[in-house]
C-alpha atoms as a PDB file:
ATOM      1  CA  MET A   1       9.324 -16.536  -4.842  1.00  0.00           C
ATOM      2  CA  THR A   2       7.370 -14.398  -7.663  1.00  0.00           C
ATOM      3  CA  CYS A   3       8.437 -10.802  -8.354  1.00  0.00           C
ATOM      4  CA  ALA A   4       4.780  -9.769  -7.053  1.00  0.00           C
ATOM      5  CA  GLU A   5       5.364 -11.607  -3.819  1.00  0.00           C
ATOM      6  CA  LEU A   6       8.386  -9.979  -3.304  1.00  0.00           C
ATOM      7  CA  VAL A   7       6.864  -6.494  -3.999  1.00  0.00           C
ATOM      8  CA  GLU A   8       4.369  -7.254  -1.200  1.00  0.00           C
ATOM      9  CA  LEU A   9       6.967  -8.449   1.327  1.00  0.00           C
ATOM     10  CA  VAL A  10       9.717  -5.511   0.619  1.00  0.00           C
ATOM     11  CA  THR A  11       8.532  -3.360   3.577  1.00  0.00           C
ATOM     12  CA  ALA A  12       8.550  -5.940   6.092  1.00  0.00           C
ATOM     13  CA  PHE A  13      12.069  -7.104   4.666  1.00  0.00           C
ATOM     14  CA  LEU A  14      13.508  -3.833   5.035  1.00  0.00           C
ATOM     15  CA  ASP A  15      11.918  -3.502   8.414  1.00  0.00           C
ATOM     16  CA  GLY A  16      13.691  -7.006   9.446  1.00  0.00           C
ATOM     17  CA  ALA A  17      10.297  -8.424  10.097  1.00  0.00           C
ATOM     18  CA  LEU A  18      10.273 -11.391   8.021  1.00  0.00           C
ATOM     19  CA  ASP A  19      10.604 -15.002   9.462  1.00  0.00           C
ATOM     20  CA  PRO A  20      13.869 -16.765   8.692  1.00  0.00           C
ATOM     21  CA  GLU A  21      12.455 -18.992   5.719  1.00  0.00           C
ATOM     22  CA  THR A  22      10.742 -16.057   3.973  1.00  0.00           C
ATOM     23  CA  GLU A  23      13.784 -13.730   4.419  1.00  0.00           C
ATOM     24  CA  GLN A  24      15.869 -16.448   2.755  1.00  0.00           C
ATOM     25  CA  ARG A  25      13.579 -17.068  -0.061  1.00  0.00           C
ATOM     26  CA  PHE A  26      13.358 -13.021  -0.586  1.00  0.00           C
ATOM     27  CA  VAL A  27      17.174 -12.845  -0.379  1.00  0.00           C
ATOM     28  CA  GLU A  28      17.547 -15.871  -2.968  1.00  0.00           C
ATOM     29  CA  HIS A  29      15.204 -14.109  -5.237  1.00  0.00           C
ATOM     30  CA  LEU A  30      17.024 -11.039  -5.215  1.00  0.00           C
ATOM     31  CA  ALA A  31      20.208 -12.924  -6.045  1.00  0.00           C
ATOM     32  CA  ILE A  32      18.765 -14.265  -9.402  1.00  0.00           C
ATOM     33  CA  CYS A  33      16.542 -11.018 -10.215  1.00  0.00           C
ATOM     34  CA  ASP A  34      18.105  -7.918 -11.350  1.00  0.00           C
ATOM     35  CA  GLY A  35      14.784  -6.008 -11.643  1.00  0.00           C
ATOM     36  CA  CYS A  36      13.910  -6.778  -8.103  1.00  0.00           C
ATOM     37  CA  GLU A  37      17.306  -6.197  -6.667  1.00  0.00           C
ATOM     38  CA  THR A  38      17.358  -2.516  -8.442  1.00  0.00           C
ATOM     39  CA  TYR A  39      13.795  -2.162  -6.934  1.00  0.00           C
ATOM     40  CA  VAL A  40      14.670  -2.829  -3.402  1.00  0.00           C
ATOM     41  CA  GLU A  41      17.921  -0.719  -3.773  1.00  0.00           C
ATOM     42  CA  GLN A  42      15.802   2.333  -5.085  1.00  0.00           C
ATOM     43  CA  LEU A  43      13.329   1.837  -1.906  1.00  0.00           C
ATOM     44  CA  ARG A  44      16.437   1.943   0.283  1.00  0.00           C
ATOM     45  CA  GLN A  45      17.688   5.134  -1.319  1.00  0.00           C
ATOM     46  CA  THR A  46      14.263   6.646  -1.377  1.00  0.00           C
ATOM     47  CA  ILE A  47      13.833   5.999   2.392  1.00  0.00           C
ATOM     48  CA  ALA A  48      17.383   7.330   3.236  1.00  0.00           C
ATOM     49  CA  GLU A  49      16.587  10.674   1.355  1.00  0.00           C
ATOM     50  CA  VAL A  50      13.217  11.002   2.576  1.00  0.00           C
ATOM     51  CA  GLY A  51      14.631  10.542   6.141  1.00  0.00           C
ATOM     52  CA  LYS A  52      16.755  13.693   5.679  1.00  0.00           C
ATOM     53  CA  VAL A  53      13.698  15.865   4.854  1.00  0.00           C
ATOM     54  CA  GLN A  54      12.956  18.287   7.463  1.00  0.00           C
ATOM     55  CA  PRO A  55       8.957  19.017   7.736  1.00  0.00           C
ATOM     56  CA  GLU A  56       9.737  22.551   8.811  1.00  0.00           C
ATOM     57  CA  SER A  57      11.659  23.004   5.446  1.00  0.00           C
ATOM     58  CA  LEU A  58       8.793  22.180   3.240  1.00  0.00           C
ATOM     59  CA  SER A  59       6.907  25.142   1.830  1.00  0.00           C
ATOM     60  CA  ASP A  60       3.186  25.005   2.692  1.00  0.00           C
ATOM     61  CA  GLU A  61       2.147  24.096  -0.903  1.00  0.00           C
ATOM     62  CA  THR A  62       4.447  21.195  -0.865  1.00  0.00           C
ATOM     63  CA  ARG A  63       3.525  19.824   2.517  1.00  0.00           C
ATOM     64  CA  ASP A  64      -0.290  20.231   1.461  1.00  0.00           C
ATOM     65  CA  ARG A  65       0.493  18.346  -1.762  1.00  0.00           C
ATOM     66  CA  LEU A  66       2.257  15.493  -0.044  1.00  0.00           C
ATOM     67  CA  LEU A  67      -0.572  15.137   2.759  1.00  0.00           C
ATOM     68  CA  THR A  68      -3.282  15.020  -0.148  1.00  0.00           C
ATOM     69  CA  ALA A  69      -1.155  12.333  -1.909  1.00  0.00           C
ATOM     70  CA  PHE A  70      -0.975  10.246   1.243  1.00  0.00           C
ATOM     71  CA  ARG A  71      -4.573  10.725   2.022  1.00  0.00           C
ATOM     72  CA  ASN A  72      -5.615   9.636  -1.653  1.00  0.00           C
ATOM     73  CA  PHE A  73      -3.169   6.594  -1.669  1.00  0.00           C
ATOM     74  CA  HIS A  74      -4.884   3.520  -2.449  1.00  0.00           C
ATOM     75  CA  VAL A  75      -3.306  -0.125  -2.769  1.00  0.00           C
END
């Protein structure tokens, strides 16, 4: 598996949605690639922190900026 393939599959991996063969290739790549291992760990931490945010605690400006960023996000 290449780093680019891993990036494409990271969400499915974190959701536990990869088929066993692909998951094995993913894990094997993580074992040999420090950069991808760091990337996946950063995503895990980001998800954990964002999950702690209470929408009502955001200012109107912050909420509007986030909504705009998500609306304008293009892959």
